[in-house]
Amino acid sequence: MSAIFCHDAGQRRLAEASRDAGARRSHREVFTEILPADAFWLAEDYHQKHMLRRSAELMADFAAMYPDAGGFVASTAAARVNGYLGGWGTAAALAAEIEGFGLSEKARRILERSVARR
């Protein structure tokens, strides 16, 4: 199941338009529910940044930067690296922003190789 959560009527209209455009492009019905946003809770720390957690070398860098789980979970750099590891982003995009992630040279090479393999 997929869902889009909206805070107001304007967001609902945008969500419906997006869903309907996807259906037109794919020539198939899209079964995405559009629901009112309610309370939001972050997943437990051990569920955060799943792809990143699979790389011991990269996690060692982030553990040094963020010794407490809250800092790691809130880290934009960790979220960006997790996205690249998950297949979101190109090698060119990574090259443009990798300097800002605070990674060691070894971790940078690991990340660059991972993205280049795709």
N, C-alpha and C. Protein backbone atom coordinates (compact mmCIF):
# COMPACT_ATOMS: atom_id res chain seq x y z
N MET A 1 0.84 -1.18 0.00
CA MET A 1 0.00 0.00 0.00
C MET A 1 0.88 1.24 0.00
N SER A 2 0.48 2.23 -0.74
CA SER A 2 1.17 3.51 -0.68
C SER A 2 0.15 4.58 -0.30
N ALA A 3 0.66 5.63 0.30
CA ALA A 3 -0.21 6.70 0.76
C ALA A 3 0.51 8.04 0.69
N ILE A 4 -0.27 9.08 0.48
CA ILE A 4 0.22 10.45 0.57
C ILE A 4 -0.59 11.09 1.68
N PHE A 5 0.10 11.75 2.59
CA PHE A 5 -0.57 12.38 3.72
C PHE A 5 -0.55 13.89 3.53
N CYS A 6 -1.71 14.51 3.66
CA CYS A 6 -1.87 15.94 3.39
C CYS A 6 -2.29 16.69 4.64
N HIS A 7 -1.82 17.93 4.72
CA HIS A 7 -2.17 18.79 5.85
C HIS A 7 -3.35 19.70 5.56
N ASP A 8 -3.65 19.93 4.28
CA ASP A 8 -4.75 20.85 3.95
C ASP A 8 -5.29 20.54 2.56
N ALA A 9 -6.32 21.27 2.17
CA ALA A 9 -6.99 21.03 0.89
C ALA A 9 -6.06 21.28 -0.29
N GLY A 10 -5.18 22.26 -0.18
CA GLY A 10 -4.24 22.55 -1.27
C GLY A 10 -3.29 21.38 -1.49
N GLN A 11 -2.77 20.82 -0.42
CA GLN A 11 -1.90 19.65 -0.56
C GLN A 11 -2.67 18.47 -1.13
N ARG A 12 -3.93 18.34 -0.72
CA ARG A 12 -4.73 17.24 -1.24
C ARG A 12 -4.91 17.37 -2.75
N ARG A 13 -5.20 18.58 -3.23
CA ARG A 13 -5.36 18.80 -4.68
C ARG A 13 -4.07 18.47 -5.41
N LEU A 14 -2.93 18.89 -4.88
CA LEU A 14 -1.64 18.58 -5.51
C LEU A 14 -1.38 17.06 -5.52
N ALA A 15 -1.70 16.40 -4.43
CA ALA A 15 -1.50 14.95 -4.35
C ALA A 15 -2.38 14.23 -5.36
N GLU A 16 -3.63 14.65 -5.47
CA GLU A 16 -4.53 14.03 -6.45
C GLU A 16 -4.03 14.25 -7.87
N ALA A 17 -3.57 15.46 -8.14
CA ALA A 17 -3.06 15.77 -9.48
C ALA A 17 -1.83 14.91 -9.80
N SER A 18 -0.94 14.75 -8.83
CA SER A 18 0.25 13.93 -9.02
C SER A 18 -0.12 12.47 -9.25
N ARG A 19 -1.02 11.96 -8.43
CA ARG A 19 -1.46 10.57 -8.57
C ARG A 19 -2.09 10.36 -9.94
N ASP A 20 -2.96 11.28 -10.35
CA ASP A 20 -3.66 11.14 -11.62
C ASP A 20 -2.71 11.26 -12.81
N ALA A 21 -1.71 12.12 -12.70
CA ALA A 21 -0.72 12.25 -13.77
C ALA A 21 0.08 10.95 -13.90
N GLY A 22 0.42 10.34 -12.79
CA GLY A 22 1.12 9.06 -12.82
C GLY A 22 0.29 7.98 -13.48
N ALA A 23 -1.00 7.99 -13.21
CA ALA A 23 -1.90 7.01 -13.83
C ALA A 23 -1.96 7.23 -15.35
N ARG A 24 -2.00 8.49 -15.78
CA ARG A 24 -2.04 8.77 -17.21
C ARG A 24 -0.74 8.32 -17.90
N ARG A 25 0.40 8.61 -17.26
CA ARG A 25 1.69 8.22 -17.84
C ARG A 25 1.83 6.70 -17.96
N SER A 26 1.37 6.00 -16.96
CA SER A 26 1.55 4.54 -16.94
C SER A 26 0.38 3.80 -17.60
N HIS A 27 -0.68 4.53 -17.90
CA HIS A 27 -1.89 3.91 -18.49
C HIS A 27 -2.45 2.82 -17.58
N ARG A 28 -2.29 3.05 -16.27
CA ARG A 28 -2.79 2.10 -15.27
C ARG A 28 -3.34 2.89 -14.09
N GLU A 29 -4.27 2.29 -13.41
CA GLU A 29 -4.79 2.92 -12.21
C GLU A 29 -3.72 2.92 -11.13
N VAL A 30 -3.61 4.02 -10.40
CA VAL A 30 -2.66 4.12 -9.30
C VAL A 30 -3.44 3.98 -8.00
N PHE A 31 -3.03 3.05 -7.19
CA PHE A 31 -3.74 2.76 -5.95
C PHE A 31 -3.03 3.41 -4.75
N THR A 32 -2.90 4.72 -4.80
CA THR A 32 -2.28 5.46 -3.72
C THR A 32 -3.38 6.18 -2.95
N GLU A 33 -3.48 5.87 -1.69
CA GLU A 33 -4.48 6.55 -0.86
C GLU A 33 -4.00 7.95 -0.54
N ILE A 34 -4.93 8.88 -0.48
CA ILE A 34 -4.62 10.24 -0.07
C ILE A 34 -5.39 10.47 1.23
N LEU A 35 -4.62 10.66 2.29
CA LEU A 35 -5.20 10.69 3.64
C LEU A 35 -4.79 11.95 4.37
N PRO A 36 -5.58 12.34 5.36
CA PRO A 36 -5.17 13.50 6.17
C PRO A 36 -3.95 13.14 7.03
N ALA A 37 -3.03 14.09 7.12
CA ALA A 37 -1.86 13.88 7.97
C ALA A 37 -2.29 13.90 9.42
N ASP A 38 -1.69 13.06 10.19
CA ASP A 38 -1.98 12.96 11.61
C ASP A 38 -0.65 13.03 12.34
N ALA A 39 -0.62 12.57 13.53
CA ALA A 39 0.62 12.57 14.30
C ALA A 39 1.68 11.76 13.56
N PHE A 40 2.93 12.15 13.70
CA PHE A 40 4.03 11.48 13.03
C PHE A 40 5.07 11.08 14.06
N TRP A 41 5.54 9.85 13.96
CA TRP A 41 6.59 9.38 14.83
C TRP A 41 7.72 8.83 13.99
N LEU A 42 8.93 9.18 14.36
CA LEU A 42 10.09 8.59 13.70
C LEU A 42 10.16 7.11 14.04
N ALA A 43 10.67 6.33 13.12
CA ALA A 43 10.93 4.93 13.41
C ALA A 43 12.03 4.85 14.46
N GLU A 44 12.13 3.71 15.10
CA GLU A 44 13.17 3.51 16.09
C GLU A 44 14.53 3.74 15.44
N ASP A 45 15.51 4.14 16.23
CA ASP A 45 16.83 4.46 15.71
C ASP A 45 17.40 3.35 14.83
N TYR A 46 17.23 2.10 15.23
CA TYR A 46 17.84 1.00 14.48
C TYR A 46 17.18 0.78 13.12
N HIS A 47 16.06 1.44 12.85
CA HIS A 47 15.42 1.37 11.53
C HIS A 47 15.86 2.52 10.62
N GLN A 48 16.57 3.48 11.14
CA GLN A 48 16.95 4.66 10.37
C GLN A 48 18.17 4.37 9.49
N LYS A 49 18.18 4.96 8.30
CA LYS A 49 19.35 4.91 7.40
C LYS A 49 19.77 3.47 7.12
N HIS A 50 18.82 2.68 6.67
CA HIS A 50 19.02 1.24 6.48
C HIS A 50 20.18 0.91 5.55
N MET A 51 20.24 1.55 4.39
CA MET A 51 21.31 1.23 3.44
C MET A 51 22.68 1.60 4.01
N LEU A 52 22.75 2.72 4.66
CA LEU A 52 24.00 3.16 5.26
C LEU A 52 24.46 2.20 6.35
N ARG A 53 23.54 1.69 7.14
CA ARG A 53 23.89 0.77 8.23
C ARG A 53 24.51 -0.53 7.70
N ARG A 54 24.30 -0.82 6.42
CA ARG A 54 24.85 -2.04 5.83
C ARG A 54 26.33 -1.91 5.49
N SER A 55 26.88 -0.71 5.58
CA SER A 55 28.29 -0.49 5.27
C SER A 55 29.06 -0.16 6.55
N ALA A 56 29.80 -1.14 7.04
CA ALA A 56 30.55 -0.94 8.29
C ALA A 56 31.55 0.21 8.16
N GLU A 57 32.19 0.32 7.00
CA GLU A 57 33.20 1.37 6.83
C GLU A 57 32.56 2.77 6.89
N LEU A 58 31.47 2.95 6.20
CA LEU A 58 30.81 4.25 6.22
C LEU A 58 30.21 4.53 7.60
N MET A 59 29.65 3.50 8.22
CA MET A 59 29.08 3.69 9.55
C MET A 59 30.15 4.09 10.56
N ALA A 60 31.36 3.59 10.41
CA ALA A 60 32.43 3.97 11.33
C ALA A 60 32.68 5.47 11.25
N ASP A 61 32.65 6.04 10.05
CA ASP A 61 32.82 7.49 9.91
C ASP A 61 31.67 8.23 10.59
N PHE A 62 30.45 7.80 10.34
CA PHE A 62 29.31 8.50 10.93
C PHE A 62 29.24 8.31 12.44
N ALA A 63 29.65 7.16 12.93
CA ALA A 63 29.67 6.95 14.39
C ALA A 63 30.66 7.90 15.05
N ALA A 64 31.78 8.18 14.37
CA ALA A 64 32.75 9.12 14.92
C ALA A 64 32.19 10.54 14.91
N MET A 65 31.43 10.88 13.86
CA MET A 65 30.84 12.22 13.77
C MET A 65 29.66 12.40 14.72
N TYR A 66 28.89 11.33 14.90
CA TYR A 66 27.66 11.39 15.69
C TYR A 66 27.66 10.26 16.72
N PRO A 67 28.29 10.45 17.85
CA PRO A 67 28.37 9.37 18.84
C PRO A 67 27.01 9.01 19.45
N ASP A 68 26.04 9.93 19.37
CA ASP A 68 24.71 9.58 19.89
C ASP A 68 23.76 9.33 18.71
N ALA A 69 22.84 8.42 18.89
CA ALA A 69 21.92 8.01 17.82
C ALA A 69 21.08 9.18 17.30
N GLY A 70 20.71 10.09 18.17
CA GLY A 70 19.88 11.22 17.74
C GLY A 70 20.57 12.09 16.71
N GLY A 71 21.83 12.34 16.89
CA GLY A 71 22.58 13.13 15.92
C GLY A 71 22.68 12.43 14.59
N PHE A 72 22.91 11.13 14.62
CA PHE A 72 22.98 10.34 13.39
C PHE A 72 21.64 10.37 12.65
N VAL A 73 20.55 10.13 13.37
CA VAL A 73 19.22 10.11 12.76
C VAL A 73 18.89 11.46 12.14
N ALA A 74 19.28 12.54 12.77
CA ALA A 74 18.96 13.89 12.28
C ALA A 74 19.94 14.38 11.21
N SER A 75 21.00 13.66 10.95
CA SER A 75 22.04 14.12 10.03
C SER A 75 21.58 14.14 8.58
N THR A 76 21.68 15.31 7.97
CA THR A 76 21.38 15.44 6.55
C THR A 76 22.41 14.68 5.73
N ALA A 77 23.67 14.76 6.12
CA ALA A 77 24.72 14.04 5.40
C ALA A 77 24.46 12.54 5.40
N ALA A 78 24.09 11.99 6.54
CA ALA A 78 23.79 10.55 6.62
C ALA A 78 22.58 10.21 5.75
N ALA A 79 21.58 11.08 5.72
CA ALA A 79 20.41 10.84 4.87
C ALA A 79 20.80 10.86 3.40
N ARG A 80 21.65 11.80 3.00
CA ARG A 80 22.08 11.90 1.61
C ARG A 80 22.89 10.65 1.22
N VAL A 81 23.83 10.25 2.07
CA VAL A 81 24.65 9.07 1.78
C VAL A 81 23.75 7.84 1.70
N ASN A 82 22.81 7.71 2.61
CA ASN A 82 21.86 6.60 2.58
C ASN A 82 21.11 6.56 1.25
N GLY A 83 20.70 7.72 0.77
CA GLY A 83 20.00 7.79 -0.52
C GLY A 83 20.89 7.34 -1.67
N TYR A 84 22.12 7.81 -1.70
CA TYR A 84 23.03 7.37 -2.76
C TYR A 84 23.23 5.86 -2.72
N LEU A 85 23.41 5.30 -1.53
CA LEU A 85 23.58 3.86 -1.40
C LEU A 85 22.34 3.10 -1.84
N GLY A 86 21.19 3.74 -1.69
CA GLY A 86 19.93 3.11 -2.10
C GLY A 86 19.61 3.27 -3.58
N GLY A 87 20.50 3.92 -4.31
CA GLY A 87 20.28 4.04 -5.75
C GLY A 87 19.73 5.37 -6.21
N TRP A 88 19.63 6.33 -5.32
CA TRP A 88 19.09 7.64 -5.66
C TRP A 88 20.23 8.62 -5.83
N GLY A 89 20.45 9.06 -7.03
CA GLY A 89 21.50 10.03 -7.29
C GLY A 89 22.56 9.48 -8.23
N THR A 90 23.15 10.36 -8.97
CA THR A 90 24.17 10.00 -9.96
C THR A 90 25.57 10.24 -9.41
N ALA A 91 26.54 9.70 -10.11
CA ALA A 91 27.94 9.93 -9.74
C ALA A 91 28.27 11.42 -9.84
N ALA A 92 27.72 12.09 -10.84
CA ALA A 92 27.97 13.53 -11.01
C ALA A 92 27.38 14.32 -9.84
N ALA A 93 26.18 13.97 -9.42
CA ALA A 93 25.56 14.66 -8.28
C ALA A 93 26.37 14.41 -7.01
N LEU A 94 26.82 13.18 -6.83
CA LEU A 94 27.64 12.85 -5.65
C LEU A 94 28.92 13.66 -5.66
N ALA A 95 29.58 13.74 -6.80
CA ALA A 95 30.83 14.49 -6.89
C ALA A 95 30.63 15.95 -6.50
N ALA A 96 29.47 16.50 -6.81
CA ALA A 96 29.19 17.90 -6.51
C ALA A 96 28.99 18.16 -5.02
N GLU A 97 28.63 17.13 -4.25
CA GLU A 97 28.33 17.38 -2.84
C GLU A 97 29.10 16.53 -1.84
N ILE A 98 29.89 15.60 -2.29
CA ILE A 98 30.55 14.66 -1.37
C ILE A 98 31.46 15.37 -0.38
N GLU A 99 32.06 16.46 -0.77
CA GLU A 99 32.96 17.20 0.13
C GLU A 99 32.24 17.62 1.41
N GLY A 100 30.97 17.91 1.33
CA GLY A 100 30.20 18.38 2.48
C GLY A 100 29.75 17.29 3.44
N PHE A 101 30.02 16.03 3.12
CA PHE A 101 29.56 14.94 3.97
C PHE A 101 30.48 14.68 5.16
N GLY A 102 31.69 15.19 5.13
CA GLY A 102 32.61 15.00 6.25
C GLY A 102 33.22 13.61 6.33
N LEU A 103 33.27 12.90 5.23
CA LEU A 103 33.78 11.53 5.22
C LEU A 103 35.30 11.49 5.08
N SER A 104 35.88 10.43 5.59
CA SER A 104 37.31 10.18 5.40
C SER A 104 37.54 9.84 3.93
N GLU A 105 38.79 9.89 3.51
CA GLU A 105 39.13 9.54 2.12
C GLU A 105 38.70 8.11 1.80
N LYS A 106 38.94 7.21 2.74
CA LYS A 106 38.56 5.80 2.53
C LYS A 106 37.04 5.68 2.34
N ALA A 107 36.27 6.33 3.19
CA ALA A 107 34.82 6.26 3.09
C ALA A 107 34.33 6.91 1.79
N ARG A 108 34.96 8.00 1.40
CA ARG A 108 34.59 8.66 0.14
C ARG A 108 34.79 7.72 -1.03
N ARG A 109 35.92 7.03 -1.06
CA ARG A 109 36.19 6.09 -2.16
C ARG A 109 35.15 4.97 -2.18
N ILE A 110 34.80 4.47 -1.01
CA ILE A 110 33.79 3.39 -0.92
C ILE A 110 32.47 3.88 -1.49
N LEU A 111 32.05 5.05 -1.09
CA LEU A 111 30.78 5.61 -1.57
C LEU A 111 30.83 5.87 -3.07
N GLU A 112 31.90 6.46 -3.53
CA GLU A 112 32.04 6.75 -4.97
C GLU A 112 32.00 5.46 -5.80
N ARG A 113 32.69 4.42 -5.34
CA ARG A 113 32.66 3.12 -6.06
C ARG A 113 31.26 2.54 -6.07
N SER A 114 30.57 2.65 -4.96
CA SER A 114 29.22 2.11 -4.86
C SER A 114 28.28 2.78 -5.86
N VAL A 115 28.39 4.08 -5.95
CA VAL A 115 27.51 4.83 -6.86
C VAL A 115 27.93 4.59 -8.32
N ALA A 116 29.22 4.48 -8.58
CA ALA A 116 29.71 4.28 -9.95
C ALA A 116 29.30 2.91 -10.50
N ARG A 117 29.12 1.93 -9.63
CA ARG A 117 28.74 0.56 -10.06
C ARG A 117 27.36 0.50 -10.69
N ARG A 118 26.53 1.46 -10.40
CA ARG A 118 25.17 1.40 -10.93
C ARG A 118 25.10 1.90 -12.34
